[in-house]
């Protein structure tokens, strides 16, 4: 990634997805002075095995956790779309919403889920990935959403799209100096991780594996698509 301070937009389906997918890379960009926006597409109100918690309480808890996690990474703002967990589809409306944010924030880089990953269980991950990819096309081409141009929101073409948990990754980012910041952010998601044994060790081992070939102690990998 370029070291010139620019803007990045990171779009995840649920609270914690951005940290797992790109937390180290986000912390690195923030340290370089980038302006970073998180968009969280759902409220995460079904993501628990605790039968004693209500969907409303869970969504409130997860939003609080997400704000703390983003702050730990140096993210400037978090936007919550608050769709219900598990109910997203890559509709024209969701695509247009992402396109509007891309045109508004004018990011150089956009991060999101790889919707083509085989055997991905959660439908929201696929829905967000496809809607973001299609939203980039709508954001960059002027005949999509022409009414926005009439109110001063012009087209925008990001430099690249980076897909995490990619089926065929082709870009590796050295996050050796930012791994601990990633884990500090992940630990804020207590409602998701408190009952998951060994999660940190598994993530550390995966980051070490991703960096080994390049000589990095810790890395994150992506499919990089030039827009």
C-alpha atoms as a PDB file:
ATOM      1  CA  UNK A   1       0.000   0.000   0.000  1.00  0.00           C
ATOM      2  CA  UNK A   2       1.103   3.541  -0.619  1.00  0.00           C
ATOM      3  CA  UNK A   3       2.435   5.468   2.363  1.00  0.00           C
ATOM      4  CA  UNK A   4       0.861   8.729   1.176  1.00  0.00           C
ATOM      5  CA  UNK A   5      -1.953   9.694   3.536  1.00  0.00           C
ATOM      6  CA  UNK A   6      -5.287   9.142   1.819  1.00  0.00           C
ATOM      7  CA  UNK A   7      -8.710   7.700   2.635  1.00  0.00           C
ATOM      8  CA  UNK A   8      -9.905   4.135   3.118  1.00  0.00           C
ATOM      9  CA  UNK A   9     -13.398   2.677   3.436  1.00  0.00           C
ATOM     10  CA  UNK A  10     -13.774  -0.664   5.233  1.00  0.00           C
ATOM     11  CA  UNK A  11     -17.152  -2.361   4.877  1.00  0.00           C
ATOM     12  CA  UNK A  12     -18.078  -5.410   6.925  1.00  0.00           C
ATOM     13  CA  UNK A  13     -21.254  -7.367   7.459  1.00  0.00           C
ATOM     14  CA  UNK A  14     -21.076  -7.492  11.267  1.00  0.00           C
ATOM     15  CA  UNK A  15     -19.304  -5.900  14.194  1.00  0.00           C
ATOM     16  CA  UNK A  16     -15.870  -7.644  14.387  1.00  0.00           C
ATOM     17  CA  UNK A  17     -15.633  -8.565  10.678  1.00  0.00           C
ATOM     18  CA  UNK A  18     -13.452  -5.564   9.845  1.00  0.00           C
ATOM     19  CA  UNK A  19     -11.033  -6.338  12.666  1.00  0.00           C
ATOM     20  CA  UNK A  20     -10.695 -10.004  11.760  1.00  0.00           C
ATOM     21  CA  UNK A  21     -10.395  -9.282   8.042  1.00  0.00           C
ATOM     22  CA  UNK A  22      -8.131  -6.243   7.959  1.00  0.00           C
ATOM     23  CA  UNK A  23      -7.423  -4.996  11.475  1.00  0.00           C
ATOM     24  CA  UNK A  24      -3.650  -4.955  11.121  1.00  0.00           C
ATOM     25  CA  UNK A  25      -3.745  -3.245   7.740  1.00  0.00           C
ATOM     26  CA  UNK A  26      -6.206  -0.661   9.041  1.00  0.00           C
ATOM     27  CA  UNK A  27      -3.986   0.100  12.045  1.00  0.00           C
ATOM     28  CA  UNK A  28      -1.017   0.485   9.703  1.00  0.00           C
ATOM     29  CA  UNK A  29      -2.856   2.925   7.459  1.00  0.00           C
ATOM     30  CA  UNK A  30      -4.089   4.892  10.460  1.00  0.00           C
ATOM     31  CA  UNK A  31      -0.514   5.192  11.724  1.00  0.00           C
ATOM     32  CA  UNK A  32       0.436   6.618   8.322  1.00  0.00           C
ATOM     33  CA  UNK A  33      -2.186   9.328   8.678  1.00  0.00           C
ATOM     34  CA  UNK A  34      -4.971   7.856   6.573  1.00  0.00           C
ATOM     35  CA  UNK A  35      -8.577   8.896   7.140  1.00  0.00           C
ATOM     36  CA  UNK A  36     -10.498   5.668   7.685  1.00  0.00           C
ATOM     37  CA  UNK A  37     -14.230   5.011   7.776  1.00  0.00           C
ATOM     38  CA  UNK A  38     -15.858   1.779   8.915  1.00  0.00           C
ATOM     39  CA  UNK A  39     -19.293   0.778   7.665  1.00  0.00           C
ATOM     40  CA  UNK A  40     -21.048  -2.032   9.531  1.00  0.00           C
ATOM     41  CA  UNK A  41     -23.962  -3.369   7.518  1.00  0.00           C
ATOM     42  CA  UNK A  42     -25.894  -5.290  10.188  1.00  0.00           C
ATOM     43  CA  UNK A  43     -26.540  -4.900  13.884  1.00  0.00           C
ATOM     44  CA  UNK A  44     -25.259  -8.395  14.678  1.00  0.00           C
ATOM     45  CA  UNK A  45     -28.397  -9.101  16.689  1.00  0.00           C
ATOM     46  CA  UNK A  46     -28.307 -12.879  16.128  1.00  0.00           C
ATOM     47  CA  UNK A  47     -24.612 -13.554  16.729  1.00  0.00           C
ATOM     48  CA  UNK A  48     -24.696 -15.351  20.074  1.00  0.00           C
ATOM     49  CA  UNK A  49     -25.214 -18.710  21.757  1.00  0.00           C
ATOM     50  CA  UNK A  50     -26.364 -16.974  24.949  1.00  0.00           C
ATOM     51  CA  UNK A  51     -30.069 -17.779  25.212  1.00  0.00           C
ATOM     52  CA  UNK A  52     -30.500 -15.227  27.985  1.00  0.00           C
ATOM     53  CA  UNK A  53     -29.778 -12.138  25.886  1.00  0.00           C
ATOM     54  CA  UNK A  54     -32.328 -10.324  23.733  1.00  0.00           C
ATOM     55  CA  UNK A  55     -31.620  -9.277  20.135  1.00  0.00           C
ATOM     56  CA  UNK A  56     -31.925  -5.625  21.157  1.00  0.00           C
ATOM     57  CA  UNK A  57     -29.445  -5.924  24.018  1.00  0.00           C
ATOM     58  CA  UNK A  58     -27.050  -7.883  21.829  1.00  0.00           C
ATOM     59  CA  UNK A  59     -27.158  -5.278  19.068  1.00  0.00           C
ATOM     60  CA  UNK A  60     -26.558  -2.473  21.568  1.00  0.00           C
ATOM     61  CA  UNK A  61     -23.650  -4.384  23.109  1.00  0.00           C
ATOM     62  CA  UNK A  62     -22.062  -5.124  19.761  1.00  0.00           C
ATOM     63  CA  UNK A  63     -22.335  -1.537  18.590  1.00  0.00           C
ATOM     64  CA  UNK A  64     -20.562  -0.386  21.754  1.00  0.00           C
ATOM     65  CA  UNK A  65     -17.873  -3.033  21.232  1.00  0.00           C
ATOM     66  CA  UNK A  66     -17.422  -1.992  17.615  1.00  0.00           C
ATOM     67  CA  UNK A  67     -16.876   1.644  18.513  1.00  0.00           C
ATOM     68  CA  UNK A  68     -14.208   0.647  21.037  1.00  0.00           C
ATOM     69  CA  UNK A  69     -12.517  -1.694  18.563  1.00  0.00           C
ATOM     70  CA  UNK A  70     -12.439   0.951  15.843  1.00  0.00           C
ATOM     71  CA  UNK A  71     -10.939   3.459  18.267  1.00  0.00           C
ATOM     72  CA  UNK A  72      -8.225   0.944  19.163  1.00  0.00           C
ATOM     73  CA  UNK A  73      -7.220   0.828  15.495  1.00  0.00           C
ATOM     74  CA  UNK A  74      -7.260   4.604  15.009  1.00  0.00           C
ATOM     75  CA  UNK A  75     -10.397   4.665  12.856  1.00  0.00           C
ATOM     76  CA  UNK A  76     -11.985   8.118  12.600  1.00  0.00           C
ATOM     77  CA  UNK A  77     -15.645   7.158  12.182  1.00  0.00           C
ATOM     78  CA  UNK A  78     -17.995   4.191  12.254  1.00  0.00           C
ATOM     79  CA  UNK A  79     -21.291   4.126  10.360  1.00  0.00           C
ATOM     80  CA  UNK A  80     -23.899   1.573  11.439  1.00  0.00           C
ATOM     81  CA  UNK A  81     -26.522   0.645   8.855  1.00  0.00           C
ATOM     82  CA  UNK A  82     -28.350  -1.502  11.458  1.00  0.00           C
ATOM     83  CA  UNK A  83     -29.885  -4.075   9.144  1.00  0.00           C
ATOM     84  CA  UNK A  84     -30.959  -7.245  10.930  1.00  0.00           C
ATOM     85  CA  UNK A  85     -28.334  -9.953  11.163  1.00  0.00           C
ATOM     86  CA  UNK A  86     -28.743 -12.746   8.635  1.00  0.00           C
ATOM     87  CA  UNK A  87     -31.249 -10.922   6.454  1.00  0.00           C
ATOM     88  CA  UNK A  88     -29.035  -9.040   3.994  1.00  0.00           C
ATOM     89  CA  UNK A  89     -29.311  -9.546   0.261  1.00  0.00           C
ATOM     90  CA  UNK A  90     -27.256  -7.797  -2.450  1.00  0.00           C
ATOM     91  CA  UNK A  91     -30.209  -5.703  -3.565  1.00  0.00           C
ATOM     92  CA  UNK A  92     -30.027  -2.630  -5.811  1.00  0.00           C
ATOM     93  CA  UNK A  93     -30.846  -0.588  -2.709  1.00  0.00           C
ATOM     94  CA  UNK A  94     -27.872  -1.920  -0.719  1.00  0.00           C
ATOM     95  CA  UNK A  95     -25.604  -1.476  -3.733  1.00  0.00           C
ATOM     96  CA  UNK A  96     -26.752   2.135  -4.125  1.00  0.00           C
ATOM     97  CA  UNK A  97     -26.200   2.805  -0.424  1.00  0.00           C
ATOM     98  CA  UNK A  98     -22.600   1.617  -0.631  1.00  0.00           C
ATOM     99  CA  UNK A  99     -22.090   3.557  -3.866  1.00  0.00           C
ATOM    100  CA  UNK A 100     -23.284   6.729  -2.169  1.00  0.00           C
ATOM    101  CA  UNK A 101     -20.785   6.292   0.659  1.00  0.00           C
ATOM    102  CA  UNK A 102     -17.992   5.617  -1.829  1.00  0.00           C
ATOM    103  CA  UNK A 103     -18.820   8.789  -3.729  1.00  0.00           C
ATOM    104  CA  UNK A 104     -19.109  10.765  -0.497  1.00  0.00           C
ATOM    105  CA  UNK A 105     -15.906   9.642   1.232  1.00  0.00           C
ATOM    106  CA  UNK A 106     -13.807   9.248  -1.957  1.00  0.00           C
ATOM    107  CA  UNK A 107     -11.617   6.404  -0.674  1.00  0.00           C
ATOM    108  CA  UNK A 108      -8.420   5.351  -2.392  1.00  0.00           C
ATOM    109  CA  UNK A 109      -8.869   1.841  -0.993  1.00  0.00           C
ATOM    110  CA  UNK A 110     -12.013  -0.144  -0.247  1.00  0.00           C
ATOM    111  CA  UNK A 111     -11.853  -3.295   1.901  1.00  0.00           C
ATOM    112  CA  UNK A 112     -14.596  -5.915   2.210  1.00  0.00           C
ATOM    113  CA  UNK A 113     -15.471  -9.618   2.191  1.00  0.00           C
ATOM    114  CA  UNK A 114     -14.616 -11.890  -0.739  1.00  0.00           C
ATOM    115  CA  UNK A 115     -18.079 -13.032  -1.873  1.00  0.00           C
ATOM    116  CA  UNK A 116     -16.589 -15.739  -4.125  1.00  0.00           C
ATOM    117  CA  UNK A 117     -14.981 -17.656  -1.264  1.00  0.00           C
ATOM    118  CA  UNK A 118     -16.029 -21.295  -1.418  1.00  0.00           C
ATOM    119  CA  UNK A 119     -18.007 -22.705   1.488  1.00  0.00           C
ATOM    120  CA  UNK A 120     -18.556 -19.343   3.171  1.00  0.00           C
ATOM    121  CA  UNK A 121     -21.353 -20.086   5.606  1.00  0.00           C
ATOM    122  CA  UNK A 122     -22.730 -16.673   6.503  1.00  0.00           C
ATOM    123  CA  UNK A 123     -25.025 -15.202   3.835  1.00  0.00           C
ATOM    124  CA  UNK A 124     -24.409 -11.637   5.044  1.00  0.00           C
ATOM    125  CA  UNK A 125     -20.730 -11.914   4.092  1.00  0.00           C
ATOM    126  CA  UNK A 126     -21.628 -12.818   0.529  1.00  0.00           C
ATOM    127  CA  UNK A 127     -24.327 -10.162   0.340  1.00  0.00           C
ATOM    128  CA  UNK A 128     -22.032  -7.379   1.522  1.00  0.00           C
ATOM    129  CA  UNK A 129     -19.172  -8.482  -0.705  1.00  0.00           C
ATOM    130  CA  UNK A 130     -21.301  -8.527  -3.840  1.00  0.00           C
ATOM    131  CA  UNK A 131     -23.085  -5.266  -2.985  1.00  0.00           C
ATOM    132  CA  UNK A 132     -19.788  -3.460  -2.377  1.00  0.00           C
ATOM    133  CA  UNK A 133     -18.279  -4.727  -5.628  1.00  0.00           C
ATOM    134  CA  UNK A 134     -21.367  -3.714  -7.577  1.00  0.00           C
ATOM    135  CA  UNK A 135     -21.513  -0.443  -5.648  1.00  0.00           C
ATOM    136  CA  UNK A 136     -18.016   0.442  -6.809  1.00  0.00           C
ATOM    137  CA  UNK A 137     -19.194   0.167 -10.406  1.00  0.00           C
ATOM    138  CA  UNK A 138     -22.163   2.409  -9.605  1.00  0.00           C
ATOM    139  CA  UNK A 139     -19.888   4.899  -7.844  1.00  0.00           C
ATOM    140  CA  UNK A 140     -17.392   5.216 -10.681  1.00  0.00           C
ATOM    141  CA  UNK A 141     -19.716   5.357 -13.730  1.00  0.00           C
ATOM    142  CA  UNK A 142     -21.695   8.550 -14.223  1.00  0.00           C
ATOM    143  CA  UNK A 143     -24.848   7.040 -15.714  1.00  0.00           C
ATOM    144  CA  UNK A 144     -25.538   5.232 -12.451  1.00  0.00           C
ATOM    145  CA  UNK A 145     -27.495   7.368  -9.993  1.00  0.00           C
ATOM    146  CA  UNK A 146     -27.392  10.486 -12.207  1.00  0.00           C
ATOM    147  CA  UNK A 147     -29.426  12.477  -9.707  1.00  0.00           C
ATOM    148  CA  UNK A 148     -26.462  12.558  -7.324  1.00  0.00           C
ATOM    149  CA  UNK A 149     -24.465  14.617  -9.777  1.00  0.00           C
ATOM    150  CA  UNK A 150     -27.181  17.241  -9.771  1.00  0.00           C
ATOM    151  CA  UNK A 151     -26.651  17.780  -6.032  1.00  0.00           C
ATOM    152  CA  UNK A 152     -22.884  17.863  -6.245  1.00  0.00           C
ATOM    153  CA  UNK A 153     -22.038  14.227  -5.480  1.00  0.00           C
ATOM    154  CA  UNK A 154     -19.926  13.233  -8.449  1.00  0.00           C
ATOM    155  CA  UNK A 155     -18.476   9.912  -9.505  1.00  0.00           C
ATOM    156  CA  UNK A 156     -15.525   8.362  -7.701  1.00  0.00           C
ATOM    157  CA  UNK A 157     -13.156   5.570  -8.703  1.00  0.00           C
ATOM    158  CA  UNK A 158     -11.101   4.012  -5.886  1.00  0.00           C
ATOM    159  CA  UNK A 159      -7.588   2.891  -6.736  1.00  0.00           C
ATOM    160  CA  UNK A 160      -8.161  -0.668  -5.559  1.00  0.00           C
ATOM    161  CA  UNK A 161     -10.540  -3.066  -3.863  1.00  0.00           C
ATOM    162  CA  UNK A 162      -9.059  -5.437  -1.264  1.00  0.00           C
ATOM    163  CA  UNK A 163     -11.034  -8.579  -0.406  1.00  0.00           C
ATOM    164  CA  UNK A 164     -10.206 -10.330   2.852  1.00  0.00           C
ATOM    165  CA  UNK A 165     -10.554 -14.079   3.525  1.00  0.00           C
ATOM    166  CA  UNK A 166     -10.011 -14.343  -0.195  1.00  0.00           C
ATOM    167  CA  UNK A 167     -10.416 -17.531  -2.191  1.00  0.00           C
ATOM    168  CA  UNK A 168      -7.353 -16.630  -4.280  1.00  0.00           C
ATOM    169  CA  UNK A 169      -5.305 -13.988  -2.417  1.00  0.00           C
ATOM    170  CA  UNK A 170      -2.602 -12.239  -4.405  1.00  0.00           C
ATOM    171  CA  UNK A 171      -1.561  -9.414  -2.067  1.00  0.00           C
ATOM    172  CA  UNK A 172       0.148  -9.762   1.318  1.00  0.00           C
ATOM    173  CA  UNK A 173       0.493  -6.850   3.731  1.00  0.00           C
ATOM    174  CA  UNK A 174       3.194  -6.855   6.408  1.00  0.00           C
ATOM    175  CA  UNK A 175       1.448  -6.050   9.695  1.00  0.00           C
ATOM    176  CA  UNK A 176       4.210  -7.201  12.036  1.00  0.00           C
ATOM    177  CA  UNK A 177       4.281  -3.886  13.880  1.00  0.00           C
ATOM    178  CA  UNK A 178       0.485  -3.710  14.126  1.00  0.00           C
ATOM    179  CA  UNK A 179      -0.514  -7.234  15.132  1.00  0.00           C
ATOM    180  CA  UNK A 180      -0.883  -6.336  18.801  1.00  0.00           C
ATOM    181  CA  UNK A 181      -3.107  -3.407  17.882  1.00  0.00           C
ATOM    182  CA  UNK A 182      -5.293  -5.780  15.871  1.00  0.00           C
ATOM    183  CA  UNK A 183      -5.609  -8.114  18.842  1.00  0.00           C
ATOM    184  CA  UNK A 184      -6.373  -5.248  21.195  1.00  0.00           C
ATOM    185  CA  UNK A 185      -9.226  -4.280  18.875  1.00  0.00           C
ATOM    186  CA  UNK A 186     -10.487  -7.847  18.601  1.00  0.00           C
ATOM    187  CA  UNK A 187     -10.558  -8.240  22.373  1.00  0.00           C
ATOM    188  CA  UNK A 188     -13.108  -5.431  22.523  1.00  0.00           C
ATOM    189  CA  UNK A 189     -15.619  -7.824  20.938  1.00  0.00           C
ATOM    190  CA  UNK A 190     -16.153  -9.614  24.233  1.00  0.00           C
ATOM    191  CA  UNK A 191     -19.659 -10.806  23.439  1.00  0.00           C
ATOM    192  CA  UNK A 192     -18.301 -12.775  20.492  1.00  0.00           C
ATOM    193  CA  UNK A 193     -15.034 -14.134  21.860  1.00  0.00           C
ATOM    194  CA  UNK A 194     -15.443 -14.684  25.587  1.00  0.00           C
ATOM    195  CA  UNK A 195     -16.584 -18.280  25.095  1.00  0.00           C
ATOM    196  CA  UNK A 196     -14.350 -19.097  22.095  1.00  0.00           C
ATOM    197  CA  UNK A 197     -11.314 -21.021  23.278  1.00  0.00           C
ATOM    198  CA  UNK A 198      -8.037 -20.571  21.440  1.00  0.00           C
ATOM    199  CA  UNK A 199      -9.215 -17.945  18.963  1.00  0.00           C
ATOM    200  CA  UNK A 200      -6.204 -15.688  19.494  1.00  0.00           C
ATOM    201  CA  UNK A 201      -3.686 -18.480  19.013  1.00  0.00           C
ATOM    202  CA  UNK A 202      -5.392 -19.569  15.800  1.00  0.00           C
ATOM    203  CA  UNK A 203      -5.408 -16.043  14.394  1.00  0.00           C
ATOM    204  CA  UNK A 204      -1.757 -15.514  15.356  1.00  0.00           C
ATOM    205  CA  UNK A 205      -0.765 -18.767  13.694  1.00  0.00           C
ATOM    206  CA  UNK A 206      -2.651 -17.834  10.546  1.00  0.00           C
ATOM    207  CA  UNK A 207      -1.024 -14.389  10.393  1.00  0.00           C
ATOM    208  CA  UNK A 208       2.417 -15.977  10.840  1.00  0.00           C
ATOM    209  CA  UNK A 209       1.655 -18.482   8.088  1.00  0.00           C
ATOM    210  CA  UNK A 210       0.567 -15.728   5.706  1.00  0.00           C
ATOM    211  CA  UNK A 211       3.768 -13.773   6.320  1.00  0.00           C
ATOM    212  CA  UNK A 212       6.246 -16.635   6.269  1.00  0.00           C
ATOM    213  CA  UNK A 213       6.863 -16.758   2.513  1.00  0.00           C
ATOM    214  CA  UNK A 214       7.496 -13.002   2.388  1.00  0.00           C
ATOM    215  CA  UNK A 215       9.682 -12.983   5.500  1.00  0.00           C
ATOM    216  CA  UNK A 216       7.112 -11.170   7.654  1.00  0.00           C
ATOM    217  CA  UNK A 217       6.413 -12.155  11.240  1.00  0.00           C
ATOM    218  CA  UNK A 218       2.713 -11.347  10.788  1.00  0.00           C
ATOM    219  CA  UNK A 219       0.669 -10.562   7.697  1.00  0.00           C
ATOM    220  CA  UNK A 220      -2.814 -10.210   6.272  1.00  0.00           C
ATOM    221  CA  UNK A 221      -3.705 -11.317   2.755  1.00  0.00           C
ATOM    222  CA  UNK A 222      -6.206 -10.034   0.234  1.00  0.00           C
ATOM    223  CA  UNK A 223      -7.397 -10.364  -3.317  1.00  0.00           C
ATOM    224  CA  UNK A 224      -6.456  -6.999  -4.831  1.00  0.00           C
ATOM    225  CA  UNK A 225      -8.615  -5.749  -7.691  1.00  0.00           C
ATOM    226  CA  UNK A 226      -7.701  -2.596  -9.584  1.00  0.00           C
ATOM    227  CA  UNK A 227     -10.899  -0.660 -10.095  1.00  0.00           C
END
